[in-house]
Every structure is written in C-alpha cells, then in structure tokens.
C-alpha cells in the first residue's frame, strides 16, 4: 500500500510539474526599447573632425537581451519574460552618436561600419545595465569608453562611467524608463568630456 501510494504520489507530482512547466512556457515574452525621441541634429561643422562610433561590446551576461537585476552584493538574475528589443550594446552606441551629434562641433558622427573615413574611433564595453534592488530600487550603468586617434592609433581619452538612477515606478516599465534616463545622462557626460578633449586639441 505504501509503495502504491508512493507511486501514485510520484505520478501526480510529475504531472503537476509538467503542467507548471507548460504554463510557464506559454507566458508571452515582453520586449522593451528606449523611448527617448531623437534630439534635433544641428548643422555639422564643415572644418570639424569626423567621429566613428563602434558597436559597444557587452559582457556575456548581457548578450541574451534579458533585463537583469541585482540584489545586494552577490545575487544577480534575469527576467525570463522581459527582454530588450535591441541589443544593449547597440542601444548604447546609438545614444552616444546622438549625444555627440547634438554638440554640432563635428563634421559628422557615424557608425564605424559605414564607408566614412574617420579621424577618431569611440569604442567601449558595457559592464552593467541593471536594476539594483536594495532599500530603494535603482538602475545602474557601468560603461568603459575610449577614444582612439586613428592616425596615431593611440587613445586620447579613456574613462569608466558609472551612474545610478532612481526607479520611480516599481514595475518593469519603471525600470526601463529609469535605464533610459540613466543612459541618456551617461551618453551626455561622455560627449561633454570628449568635446573638452578634442576642442582643447583644436586650441593648441
């Protein structure tokens, strides 16, 4: 009797587990993109430099496009059913190009895969693009960037940009909006620092 009850229990448990798995797998995947509209692009400087922006590399954990979260110092995870519509590295590259174009100090700012010949190449790696859960919910971006002089093949600017931004609405949409604001601020900071470096070279 005990053996029969055990067998029946195992069958019921397996059935429940299979049913649960089936329900989980049938849940729709939600995709998100950054919502910040393109800023007006000013007229480029005819005598300015041409900047190329490469597709920013990302760590392995960010490559599958799932929205990621961090709890405390050691726990990390990802939302199974909430993902980016575009690769995070590409979203960062587009934001950087937009921020650099806004200054109007360059002849053009283009993606590095284009046929345009550039004077400088901006490249980098994204280490964090996460929700951070603690006493308050925030988002965190950690982005390393370097600006290479394509004539000398040397970096003229190298910086690690790290920033947190509050999440005002405690849901996934709130996290996405916070990451959007955070990324625009990081891209703007990078553009301002690059402007100072290259404009300083113009004055010498």
N, C-alpha and C. Protein backbone atom coordinates (compact mmCIF):
# COMPACT_ATOMS: atom_id res chain seq x y z
N UNK A 1 0.83 -1.21 0.00
CA UNK A 1 0.00 0.00 0.00
C UNK A 1 0.86 1.26 0.00
N UNK A 2 1.89 1.21 0.85
CA UNK A 2 2.78 2.37 0.89
C UNK A 2 3.46 2.56 -0.46
N UNK A 3 3.85 1.42 -1.08
CA UNK A 3 4.51 1.50 -2.38
C UNK A 3 3.57 2.09 -3.42
N UNK A 4 2.29 1.63 -3.39
CA UNK A 4 1.31 2.13 -4.36
C UNK A 4 1.06 3.61 -4.15
N UNK A 5 0.92 4.03 -2.88
CA UNK A 5 0.70 5.45 -2.60
C UNK A 5 1.89 6.29 -3.06
N UNK A 6 3.09 5.75 -2.84
CA UNK A 6 4.29 6.48 -3.25
C UNK A 6 4.33 6.63 -4.77
N UNK A 7 3.97 5.53 -5.47
CA UNK A 7 3.98 5.57 -6.94
C UNK A 7 2.96 6.59 -7.46
N UNK A 8 1.74 6.54 -6.87
CA UNK A 8 0.70 7.48 -7.29
C UNK A 8 1.13 8.92 -7.01
N UNK A 9 1.73 9.12 -5.84
CA UNK A 9 2.19 10.46 -5.49
C UNK A 9 3.22 10.96 -6.47
N UNK A 10 4.15 10.08 -6.86
CA UNK A 10 5.19 10.48 -7.82
C UNK A 10 4.58 10.85 -9.16
N UNK A 11 3.57 10.07 -9.60
CA UNK A 11 2.92 10.36 -10.87
C UNK A 11 2.20 11.70 -10.81
N UNK A 12 1.50 11.96 -9.70
CA UNK A 12 0.79 13.22 -9.55
C UNK A 12 1.74 14.40 -9.50
N UNK A 13 2.87 14.20 -8.80
CA UNK A 13 3.87 15.27 -8.72
C UNK A 13 4.45 15.57 -10.09
N UNK A 14 4.76 14.51 -10.83
CA UNK A 14 5.32 14.71 -12.17
C UNK A 14 4.33 15.42 -13.07
N UNK A 15 3.04 15.04 -12.94
CA UNK A 15 2.00 15.68 -13.74
C UNK A 15 1.89 17.16 -13.41
N UNK A 16 1.94 17.47 -12.10
CA UNK A 16 1.86 18.87 -11.68
C UNK A 16 3.04 19.67 -12.19
N UNK A 17 4.22 19.05 -12.09
CA UNK A 17 5.42 19.75 -12.56
C UNK A 17 5.36 20.01 -14.05
N UNK A 18 4.91 19.01 -14.80
CA UNK A 18 4.79 19.18 -16.25
C UNK A 18 3.76 20.25 -16.58
N UNK A 19 2.66 20.25 -15.83
CA UNK A 19 1.64 21.27 -16.04
C UNK A 19 2.16 22.65 -15.74
N UNK A 20 2.93 22.77 -14.66
CA UNK A 20 3.51 24.06 -14.31
C UNK A 20 4.47 24.53 -15.37
N UNK A 21 5.32 23.62 -15.84
CA UNK A 21 6.28 23.98 -16.88
C UNK A 21 5.56 24.44 -18.14
N UNK A 22 4.46 23.72 -18.46
CA UNK A 22 3.70 24.09 -19.65
C UNK A 22 3.12 25.49 -19.51
N UNK A 23 2.61 25.80 -18.31
CA UNK A 23 2.04 27.13 -18.09
C UNK A 23 3.10 28.21 -18.19
N UNK A 24 4.28 27.93 -17.60
CA UNK A 24 5.35 28.91 -17.64
C UNK A 24 5.81 29.17 -19.07
N UNK A 25 5.96 28.10 -19.83
CA UNK A 25 6.45 28.24 -21.20
C UNK A 25 5.45 28.99 -22.09
N UNK A 26 4.18 28.96 -21.72
CA UNK A 26 3.18 29.60 -22.56
C UNK A 26 3.05 31.10 -22.28
N UNK A 27 3.75 31.58 -21.27
CA UNK A 27 3.65 33.01 -20.96
C UNK A 27 4.30 33.82 -22.08
N UNK A 28 3.69 34.95 -22.46
CA UNK A 28 4.28 35.76 -23.54
C UNK A 28 5.55 36.48 -23.07
N UNK A 29 6.47 36.65 -23.99
CA UNK A 29 7.69 37.42 -23.72
C UNK A 29 7.41 38.88 -24.07
N UNK A 30 7.74 39.79 -23.15
CA UNK A 30 7.54 41.22 -23.37
C UNK A 30 8.87 41.85 -23.79
N UNK A 31 8.83 42.66 -24.84
CA UNK A 31 10.03 43.30 -25.36
C UNK A 31 9.97 44.81 -25.11
N UNK A 32 11.13 45.39 -24.83
CA UNK A 32 11.20 46.80 -24.48
C UNK A 32 12.28 47.50 -25.30
N UNK A 33 12.05 48.77 -25.53
CA UNK A 33 13.05 49.59 -26.20
C UNK A 33 13.10 50.95 -25.51
N UNK A 34 14.17 51.69 -25.75
CA UNK A 34 14.29 53.01 -25.15
C UNK A 34 13.35 53.96 -25.88
N UNK A 35 12.70 54.83 -25.13
CA UNK A 35 11.64 55.67 -25.68
C UNK A 35 12.05 57.10 -25.96
N UNK A 36 13.27 57.48 -25.57
CA UNK A 36 13.70 58.86 -25.76
C UNK A 36 13.71 59.22 -27.25
N UNK A 37 12.95 60.24 -27.67
CA UNK A 37 12.92 60.60 -29.08
C UNK A 37 14.25 61.21 -29.52
N UNK A 38 14.59 61.06 -30.78
CA UNK A 38 15.84 61.66 -31.27
C UNK A 38 15.86 63.17 -31.08
N UNK A 39 16.98 63.69 -30.59
CA UNK A 39 17.12 65.13 -30.42
C UNK A 39 17.38 65.78 -31.78
N UNK A 40 17.01 67.05 -31.97
CA UNK A 40 17.31 67.74 -33.23
C UNK A 40 18.81 67.73 -33.48
N UNK A 41 19.20 67.39 -34.69
CA UNK A 41 20.62 67.32 -35.02
C UNK A 41 21.05 68.65 -35.63
N UNK A 42 21.97 69.38 -34.97
CA UNK A 42 22.42 70.66 -35.51
C UNK A 42 23.29 70.47 -36.75
N UNK A 43 23.52 71.55 -37.45
CA UNK A 43 24.38 71.51 -38.63
C UNK A 43 25.80 71.16 -38.20
N UNK A 44 26.40 70.18 -38.89
CA UNK A 44 27.76 69.78 -38.57
C UNK A 44 28.77 70.87 -38.92
N UNK A 45 29.91 70.84 -38.23
CA UNK A 45 30.97 71.83 -38.51
C UNK A 45 31.76 71.39 -39.73
N UNK A 46 31.79 72.19 -40.82
CA UNK A 46 32.48 71.78 -42.05
C UNK A 46 33.96 71.49 -41.85
N UNK A 47 34.60 72.21 -40.92
CA UNK A 47 36.02 72.02 -40.68
C UNK A 47 36.28 71.16 -39.44
N UNK A 48 35.25 70.51 -38.94
CA UNK A 48 35.39 69.69 -37.74
C UNK A 48 35.91 68.30 -38.07
N UNK A 49 36.13 67.54 -37.03
CA UNK A 49 36.61 66.17 -37.18
C UNK A 49 35.43 65.21 -37.41
N UNK A 50 35.76 64.06 -37.94
CA UNK A 50 34.77 63.01 -38.14
C UNK A 50 34.98 61.92 -37.09
N UNK A 51 33.93 61.63 -36.35
CA UNK A 51 33.99 60.62 -35.30
C UNK A 51 33.26 59.36 -35.75
N UNK A 52 33.87 58.23 -35.50
CA UNK A 52 33.22 56.94 -35.73
C UNK A 52 32.92 56.30 -34.37
N UNK A 53 31.76 55.69 -34.27
CA UNK A 53 31.35 55.03 -33.02
C UNK A 53 31.14 53.55 -33.30
N UNK A 54 31.89 52.71 -32.61
CA UNK A 54 31.75 51.27 -32.82
C UNK A 54 30.58 50.73 -32.03
N UNK A 55 30.14 49.53 -32.36
CA UNK A 55 29.09 48.87 -31.59
C UNK A 55 29.69 48.47 -30.25
N UNK A 56 29.18 49.03 -29.18
CA UNK A 56 29.74 48.78 -27.85
C UNK A 56 29.63 47.31 -27.48
N UNK A 57 30.72 46.72 -27.03
CA UNK A 57 30.72 45.33 -26.59
C UNK A 57 30.02 45.22 -25.23
N UNK A 58 29.53 44.03 -24.92
CA UNK A 58 28.86 43.80 -23.63
C UNK A 58 29.41 42.53 -23.01
N UNK A 59 29.28 42.42 -21.69
CA UNK A 59 29.69 41.20 -21.01
C UNK A 59 28.73 40.07 -21.40
N UNK A 60 29.16 38.84 -21.17
CA UNK A 60 28.38 37.67 -21.57
C UNK A 60 26.96 37.70 -21.02
N UNK A 61 26.81 38.12 -19.76
CA UNK A 61 25.50 38.09 -19.12
C UNK A 61 24.48 39.00 -19.78
N UNK A 62 24.92 39.99 -20.52
CA UNK A 62 24.00 40.92 -21.17
C UNK A 62 23.70 40.55 -22.62
N UNK A 63 24.34 39.51 -23.12
CA UNK A 63 24.24 39.22 -24.55
C UNK A 63 22.90 38.62 -24.96
N UNK A 64 22.19 37.98 -24.03
CA UNK A 64 20.92 37.35 -24.42
C UNK A 64 19.75 38.32 -24.42
N UNK A 65 19.98 39.59 -24.02
CA UNK A 65 18.96 40.61 -24.12
C UNK A 65 17.94 40.63 -23.00
N UNK A 66 18.03 39.74 -22.01
CA UNK A 66 17.07 39.77 -20.91
C UNK A 66 17.37 40.93 -19.96
N UNK A 67 16.32 41.54 -19.42
CA UNK A 67 16.51 42.57 -18.41
C UNK A 67 17.07 41.93 -17.15
N UNK A 68 18.11 42.53 -16.61
CA UNK A 68 18.82 41.93 -15.49
C UNK A 68 18.60 42.73 -14.21
N UNK A 69 18.74 42.02 -13.09
CA UNK A 69 18.61 42.67 -11.78
C UNK A 69 19.71 42.19 -10.86
N UNK A 70 19.98 42.99 -9.86
CA UNK A 70 20.99 42.67 -8.84
C UNK A 70 20.37 42.92 -7.47
N UNK A 71 20.58 41.96 -6.56
CA UNK A 71 20.09 42.08 -5.19
C UNK A 71 21.29 41.97 -4.25
N UNK A 72 21.53 43.02 -3.50
CA UNK A 72 22.67 43.00 -2.60
C UNK A 72 23.98 42.99 -3.36
N UNK A 73 25.00 42.45 -2.72
CA UNK A 73 26.35 42.48 -3.30
C UNK A 73 26.63 41.31 -4.24
N UNK A 74 25.91 40.19 -4.05
CA UNK A 74 26.31 38.98 -4.75
C UNK A 74 25.25 38.35 -5.64
N UNK A 75 23.97 38.58 -5.36
CA UNK A 75 22.92 37.91 -6.12
C UNK A 75 22.58 38.67 -7.40
N UNK A 76 22.62 37.97 -8.52
CA UNK A 76 22.24 38.55 -9.80
C UNK A 76 21.28 37.60 -10.50
N UNK A 77 20.45 38.15 -11.35
CA UNK A 77 19.49 37.33 -12.08
C UNK A 77 18.96 38.06 -13.29
N UNK A 78 18.04 37.39 -14.00
CA UNK A 78 17.47 37.99 -15.20
C UNK A 78 15.99 37.63 -15.29
N UNK A 79 15.20 38.54 -15.82
CA UNK A 79 13.78 38.29 -16.05
C UNK A 79 13.62 37.41 -17.29
N UNK A 80 12.97 36.27 -17.11
CA UNK A 80 12.84 35.33 -18.22
C UNK A 80 11.95 35.86 -19.33
N UNK A 81 10.93 36.64 -18.96
CA UNK A 81 9.92 37.05 -19.94
C UNK A 81 9.93 38.55 -20.23
N UNK A 82 11.02 39.23 -19.88
CA UNK A 82 11.16 40.66 -20.15
C UNK A 82 12.53 40.88 -20.80
N UNK A 83 12.52 41.30 -22.06
CA UNK A 83 13.76 41.38 -22.82
C UNK A 83 13.82 42.67 -23.64
N UNK A 84 15.04 43.03 -24.01
CA UNK A 84 15.24 44.19 -24.87
C UNK A 84 14.94 43.82 -26.32
N UNK A 85 14.28 44.73 -27.03
CA UNK A 85 14.00 44.51 -28.45
C UNK A 85 15.27 44.66 -29.28
N UNK A 86 16.23 45.45 -28.78
CA UNK A 86 17.52 45.63 -29.44
C UNK A 86 18.64 45.21 -28.50
N UNK A 87 19.80 44.92 -29.04
CA UNK A 87 20.93 44.55 -28.20
C UNK A 87 21.35 45.75 -27.36
N UNK A 88 21.63 45.55 -26.08
CA UNK A 88 22.04 46.67 -25.23
C UNK A 88 23.24 47.44 -25.78
N UNK A 89 24.21 46.73 -26.35
CA UNK A 89 25.38 47.41 -26.90
C UNK A 89 25.02 48.35 -28.04
N UNK A 90 24.07 47.95 -28.87
CA UNK A 90 23.63 48.80 -29.97
C UNK A 90 22.87 50.02 -29.45
N UNK A 91 22.04 49.83 -28.42
CA UNK A 91 21.31 50.97 -27.85
C UNK A 91 22.28 52.00 -27.27
N UNK A 92 23.34 51.52 -26.63
CA UNK A 92 24.34 52.43 -26.07
C UNK A 92 25.05 53.19 -27.19
N UNK A 93 25.43 52.49 -28.26
CA UNK A 93 26.11 53.13 -29.38
C UNK A 93 25.26 54.22 -30.02
N UNK A 94 23.98 53.93 -30.22
CA UNK A 94 23.07 54.91 -30.82
C UNK A 94 22.94 56.14 -29.91
N UNK A 95 22.84 55.92 -28.61
CA UNK A 95 22.73 57.04 -27.67
C UNK A 95 23.98 57.89 -27.68
N UNK A 96 25.15 57.27 -27.80
CA UNK A 96 26.41 58.01 -27.86
C UNK A 96 26.48 58.85 -29.14
N UNK A 97 26.10 58.27 -30.26
CA UNK A 97 26.12 59.03 -31.52
C UNK A 97 25.18 60.22 -31.45
N UNK A 98 24.00 60.03 -30.87
CA UNK A 98 23.04 61.11 -30.76
C UNK A 98 23.59 62.24 -29.90
N UNK A 99 24.22 61.87 -28.77
CA UNK A 99 24.76 62.88 -27.86
C UNK A 99 25.91 63.65 -28.50
N UNK A 100 26.76 62.96 -29.24
CA UNK A 100 27.90 63.62 -29.89
C UNK A 100 27.44 64.53 -31.03
N UNK A 101 26.43 64.13 -31.75
CA UNK A 101 25.92 64.96 -32.84
C UNK A 101 25.27 66.23 -32.33
N UNK A 102 24.70 66.17 -31.13
CA UNK A 102 23.96 67.31 -30.58
C UNK A 102 24.85 68.53 -30.41
N UNK A 103 26.14 68.32 -30.13
CA UNK A 103 27.03 69.47 -29.90
C UNK A 103 27.26 70.29 -31.16
N UNK A 104 27.16 69.69 -32.33
CA UNK A 104 27.39 70.39 -33.58
C UNK A 104 28.84 70.77 -33.83
N UNK A 105 29.77 70.15 -33.09
CA UNK A 105 31.18 70.51 -33.19
C UNK A 105 31.96 69.61 -34.15
N UNK A 106 31.29 68.63 -34.73
CA UNK A 106 31.99 67.68 -35.59
C UNK A 106 31.43 67.72 -37.01
N UNK A 107 32.28 67.38 -37.94
CA UNK A 107 31.81 67.32 -39.33
C UNK A 107 30.72 66.28 -39.45
N UNK A 108 30.94 65.11 -38.84
CA UNK A 108 29.91 64.07 -38.79
C UNK A 108 30.27 63.06 -37.71
N UNK A 109 29.24 62.36 -37.26
CA UNK A 109 29.40 61.27 -36.29
C UNK A 109 28.67 60.07 -36.88
N UNK A 110 29.41 59.02 -37.18
CA UNK A 110 28.84 57.90 -37.90
C UNK A 110 29.18 56.58 -37.22
N UNK A 111 28.42 55.54 -37.57
CA UNK A 111 28.73 54.20 -37.10
C UNK A 111 30.01 53.71 -37.76
N UNK A 112 30.80 52.95 -37.06
CA UNK A 112 32.11 52.54 -37.58
C UNK A 112 32.01 51.59 -38.77
N UNK A 113 30.86 50.96 -38.97
CA UNK A 113 30.72 50.05 -40.10
C UNK A 113 30.42 50.76 -41.42
N UNK A 114 30.27 52.07 -41.38
CA UNK A 114 29.96 52.81 -42.60
C UNK A 114 31.22 52.99 -43.44
N UNK A 115 31.03 53.55 -44.63
CA UNK A 115 32.16 53.77 -45.55
C UNK A 115 32.89 55.08 -45.25
N UNK A 116 32.43 55.82 -44.26
CA UNK A 116 33.03 57.11 -43.93
C UNK A 116 34.41 56.90 -43.29
N UNK A 117 35.37 57.71 -43.71
CA UNK A 117 36.71 57.67 -43.11
C UNK A 117 36.73 58.64 -41.94
N UNK A 118 37.08 58.14 -40.76
CA UNK A 118 37.02 58.96 -39.57
C UNK A 118 38.38 59.39 -39.06
N UNK A 119 38.37 60.40 -38.18
CA UNK A 119 39.58 60.85 -37.51
C UNK A 119 39.77 60.16 -36.17
N UNK A 120 38.63 59.84 -35.52
CA UNK A 120 38.67 59.21 -34.21
C UNK A 120 37.64 58.08 -34.15
N UNK A 121 37.95 57.09 -33.34
CA UNK A 121 37.04 55.96 -33.15
C UNK A 121 36.71 55.84 -31.66
N UNK A 122 35.42 55.89 -31.35
CA UNK A 122 34.96 55.70 -29.97
C UNK A 122 34.54 54.23 -29.82
N UNK A 123 35.14 53.55 -28.87
CA UNK A 123 34.80 52.15 -28.64
C UNK A 123 34.73 51.90 -27.14
N UNK A 124 34.11 50.79 -26.75
CA UNK A 124 33.99 50.55 -25.32
C UNK A 124 33.31 49.24 -25.01
N UNK A 125 33.03 49.06 -23.71
CA UNK A 125 32.38 47.83 -23.23
C UNK A 125 31.42 48.17 -22.10
N UNK A 126 30.24 47.55 -22.16
CA UNK A 126 29.19 47.75 -21.17
C UNK A 126 29.26 46.62 -20.14
N UNK A 127 29.45 46.99 -18.87
CA UNK A 127 29.58 46.00 -17.80
C UNK A 127 28.30 45.85 -16.98
N UNK A 128 27.56 46.92 -16.81
CA UNK A 128 26.32 46.86 -16.05
C UNK A 128 25.25 47.68 -16.77
N UNK A 129 24.07 47.09 -16.85
CA UNK A 129 22.89 47.75 -17.41
C UNK A 129 21.70 47.13 -16.70
N UNK A 130 21.65 47.35 -15.37
CA UNK A 130 20.86 46.51 -14.48
C UNK A 130 19.91 47.29 -13.59
N UNK A 131 18.90 46.58 -13.13
CA UNK A 131 18.09 47.00 -11.98
C UNK A 131 18.85 46.61 -10.72
N UNK A 132 18.88 47.48 -9.73
CA UNK A 132 19.55 47.20 -8.46
C UNK A 132 18.54 47.34 -7.34
N UNK A 133 18.29 46.22 -6.63
CA UNK A 133 17.29 46.20 -5.58
C UNK A 133 17.96 46.31 -4.21
N UNK A 134 17.55 47.29 -3.44
CA UNK A 134 18.06 47.48 -2.09
C UNK A 134 17.00 48.17 -1.26
N UNK A 135 17.39 49.11 -0.44
CA UNK A 135 16.42 49.89 0.31
C UNK A 135 15.50 50.64 -0.65
N UNK A 136 16.05 51.03 -1.77
CA UNK A 136 15.28 51.64 -2.85
C UNK A 136 15.68 50.95 -4.15
N UNK A 137 14.78 50.96 -5.13
CA UNK A 137 15.09 50.35 -6.43
C UNK A 137 15.73 51.40 -7.31
N UNK A 138 16.88 51.05 -7.90
CA UNK A 138 17.60 51.94 -8.80
C UNK A 138 18.02 51.17 -10.04
N UNK A 139 18.53 51.88 -11.01
CA UNK A 139 19.22 51.23 -12.12
C UNK A 139 20.67 51.70 -12.11
N UNK A 140 21.53 50.85 -12.62
CA UNK A 140 22.96 51.15 -12.62
C UNK A 140 23.55 50.85 -13.99
N UNK A 141 24.39 51.79 -14.45
CA UNK A 141 25.12 51.60 -15.70
C UNK A 141 26.61 51.74 -15.41
N UNK A 142 27.38 50.80 -15.92
CA UNK A 142 28.84 50.86 -15.84
C UNK A 142 29.37 50.65 -17.26
N UNK A 143 29.98 51.69 -17.78
CA UNK A 143 30.39 51.71 -19.19
C UNK A 143 31.81 52.23 -19.32
N UNK A 144 32.67 51.43 -19.90
CA UNK A 144 34.05 51.88 -20.17
C UNK A 144 34.15 52.31 -21.63
N UNK A 145 34.68 53.52 -21.84
CA UNK A 145 34.83 54.05 -23.19
C UNK A 145 36.25 54.54 -23.42
N UNK A 146 36.69 54.47 -24.66
CA UNK A 146 37.99 55.00 -25.05
C UNK A 146 37.87 55.62 -26.43
N UNK A 147 38.58 56.73 -26.63
CA UNK A 147 38.57 57.44 -27.92
C UNK A 147 39.95 57.30 -28.55
N UNK A 148 39.99 56.65 -29.69
CA UNK A 148 41.25 56.36 -30.37
C UNK A 148 41.50 57.33 -31.52
N UNK A 149 42.69 57.91 -31.56
CA UNK A 149 43.13 58.71 -32.69
C UNK A 149 43.53 57.73 -33.80
N UNK A 150 42.81 57.74 -34.91
CA UNK A 150 43.05 56.75 -35.95
C UNK A 150 44.34 56.99 -36.73
N UNK A 151 44.94 58.16 -36.58
CA UNK A 151 46.23 58.42 -37.23
C UNK A 151 47.38 57.84 -36.42
N UNK A 152 47.34 58.07 -35.12
CA UNK A 152 48.44 57.62 -34.26
C UNK A 152 48.17 56.25 -33.65
N UNK A 153 46.90 55.79 -33.72
CA UNK A 153 46.48 54.52 -33.10
C UNK A 153 46.66 54.55 -31.59
N UNK A 154 46.52 55.71 -31.00
CA UNK A 154 46.61 55.85 -29.55
C UNK A 154 45.32 56.43 -29.00
N UNK A 155 45.00 56.02 -27.78
CA UNK A 155 43.81 56.56 -27.11
C UNK A 155 44.12 57.95 -26.56
N UNK A 156 43.24 58.90 -26.88
CA UNK A 156 43.41 60.26 -26.36
C UNK A 156 42.47 60.52 -25.18
N UNK A 157 41.56 59.59 -24.94
CA UNK A 157 40.63 59.70 -23.83
C UNK A 157 40.19 58.30 -23.44
N UNK A 158 40.16 58.04 -22.13
CA UNK A 158 39.82 56.71 -21.63
C UNK A 158 39.13 56.91 -20.28
N UNK A 159 37.90 56.39 -20.16
CA UNK A 159 37.17 56.68 -18.92
C UNK A 159 36.14 55.60 -18.62
N UNK A 160 35.97 55.31 -17.32
CA UNK A 160 34.91 54.42 -16.85
C UNK A 160 33.79 55.29 -16.30
N UNK A 161 32.62 55.20 -16.90
CA UNK A 161 31.47 55.98 -16.47
C UNK A 161 30.52 55.07 -15.70
N UNK A 162 30.21 55.46 -14.48
CA UNK A 162 29.29 54.69 -13.64
C UNK A 162 28.24 55.63 -13.07
N UNK A 163 26.99 55.20 -13.11
CA UNK A 163 25.90 56.08 -12.67
C UNK A 163 24.70 55.25 -12.23
N UNK A 164 23.99 55.75 -11.20
CA UNK A 164 22.73 55.14 -10.77
C UNK A 164 21.61 56.15 -10.97
N UNK A 165 20.40 55.63 -11.15
CA UNK A 165 19.22 56.45 -11.38
C UNK A 165 18.04 55.83 -10.64
N UNK A 166 17.26 56.62 -9.89
CA UNK A 166 16.11 56.06 -9.17
C UNK A 166 15.06 55.48 -10.11
N UNK A 167 14.36 54.46 -9.62
CA UNK A 167 13.20 53.90 -10.31
C UNK A 167 11.96 54.44 -9.62
N UNK A 168 11.19 55.23 -10.33
CA UNK A 168 10.06 55.92 -9.70
C UNK A 168 8.79 55.08 -9.69
N UNK A 169 8.70 54.09 -10.57
CA UNK A 169 7.53 53.22 -10.62
C UNK A 169 8.00 51.78 -10.45
N UNK A 170 7.50 51.10 -9.43
CA UNK A 170 8.03 49.78 -9.06
C UNK A 170 7.45 48.67 -9.92
N UNK A 171 7.75 48.72 -11.20
CA UNK A 171 7.40 47.66 -12.14
C UNK A 171 8.43 47.67 -13.25
N UNK A 172 8.32 46.74 -14.18
CA UNK A 172 9.34 46.62 -15.24
C UNK A 172 9.37 47.87 -16.11
N UNK A 173 8.21 48.45 -16.39
CA UNK A 173 8.19 49.68 -17.19
C UNK A 173 8.96 50.79 -16.48
N UNK A 174 8.82 50.87 -15.16
CA UNK A 174 9.56 51.86 -14.40
C UNK A 174 11.06 51.64 -14.48
N UNK A 175 11.47 50.38 -14.48
CA UNK A 175 12.90 50.06 -14.61
C UNK A 175 13.42 50.48 -15.99
N UNK A 176 12.64 50.19 -17.03
CA UNK A 176 13.04 50.55 -18.39
C UNK A 176 13.17 52.07 -18.52
N UNK A 177 12.21 52.81 -17.99
CA UNK A 177 12.26 54.26 -18.06
C UNK A 177 13.47 54.82 -17.30
N UNK A 178 13.78 54.20 -16.16
CA UNK A 178 14.95 54.63 -15.39
C UNK A 178 16.24 54.37 -16.16
N UNK A 179 16.34 53.20 -16.79
CA UNK A 179 17.53 52.89 -17.59
C UNK A 179 17.64 53.85 -18.78
N UNK A 180 16.51 54.23 -19.35
CA UNK A 180 16.52 55.19 -20.45
C UNK A 180 17.11 56.52 -19.99
N UNK A 181 16.60 57.06 -18.87
CA UNK A 181 17.12 58.32 -18.35
C UNK A 181 18.60 58.19 -17.98
N UNK A 182 18.94 57.07 -17.39
CA UNK A 182 20.31 56.84 -16.96
C UNK A 182 21.27 56.84 -18.15
N UNK A 183 20.88 56.11 -19.20
CA UNK A 183 21.75 56.02 -20.38
C UNK A 183 21.92 57.38 -21.06
N UNK A 184 20.84 58.16 -21.15
CA UNK A 184 20.96 59.47 -21.79
C UNK A 184 21.91 60.37 -21.00
N UNK A 185 21.86 60.27 -19.67
CA UNK A 185 22.77 61.07 -18.84
C UNK A 185 24.21 60.62 -19.00
N UNK A 186 24.44 59.31 -19.06
CA UNK A 186 25.80 58.78 -19.25
C UNK A 186 26.34 59.18 -20.63
N UNK A 187 25.51 59.06 -21.66
CA UNK A 187 25.94 59.44 -23.01
C UNK A 187 26.25 60.93 -23.09
N UNK A 188 25.44 61.75 -22.44
CA UNK A 188 25.68 63.20 -22.42
C UNK A 188 26.99 63.52 -21.70
N UNK A 189 27.25 62.84 -20.58
CA UNK A 189 28.51 63.06 -19.86
C UNK A 189 29.71 62.69 -20.73
N UNK A 190 29.62 61.54 -21.40
CA UNK A 190 30.72 61.10 -22.27
C UNK A 190 30.95 62.11 -23.39
N UNK A 191 29.87 62.60 -24.01
CA UNK A 191 30.00 63.56 -25.11
C UNK A 191 30.65 64.85 -24.63
N UNK A 192 30.27 65.32 -23.45
CA UNK A 192 30.85 66.55 -22.92
C UNK A 192 32.35 66.40 -22.66
N UNK A 193 32.75 65.25 -22.13
CA UNK A 193 34.17 65.03 -21.86
C UNK A 193 34.97 64.91 -23.16
N UNK A 194 34.40 64.24 -24.15
CA UNK A 194 35.07 64.12 -25.45
C UNK A 194 35.16 65.49 -26.11
N UNK A 195 34.11 66.29 -26.01
CA UNK A 195 34.14 67.65 -26.55
C UNK A 195 35.30 68.45 -25.95
N UNK A 196 35.47 68.34 -24.64
CA UNK A 196 36.54 69.09 -23.98
C UNK A 196 37.92 68.64 -24.47
N UNK A 197 38.08 67.33 -24.63
CA UNK A 197 39.38 66.80 -25.08
C UNK A 197 39.69 67.27 -26.50
N UNK A 198 38.75 67.12 -27.41
CA UNK A 198 39.01 67.45 -28.81
C UNK A 198 39.01 68.94 -29.06
N UNK A 199 38.17 69.70 -28.36
CA UNK A 199 38.18 71.14 -28.52
C UNK A 199 39.46 71.71 -27.94
N UNK A 200 39.97 71.10 -26.89
CA UNK A 200 41.26 71.54 -26.32
C UNK A 200 42.39 71.33 -27.28
N UNK A 201 42.33 70.23 -28.04
CA UNK A 201 43.36 69.98 -29.05
C UNK A 201 43.27 71.01 -30.16
N UNK A 202 42.06 71.45 -30.49
CA UNK A 202 41.89 72.45 -31.54
C UNK A 202 42.55 73.78 -31.17
N UNK A 203 42.57 74.09 -29.85
CA UNK A 203 43.10 75.38 -29.40
C UNK A 203 44.62 75.41 -29.33
N UNK A 204 45.25 74.20 -29.35
CA UNK A 204 46.72 74.19 -29.24
C UNK A 204 47.36 74.40 -30.61
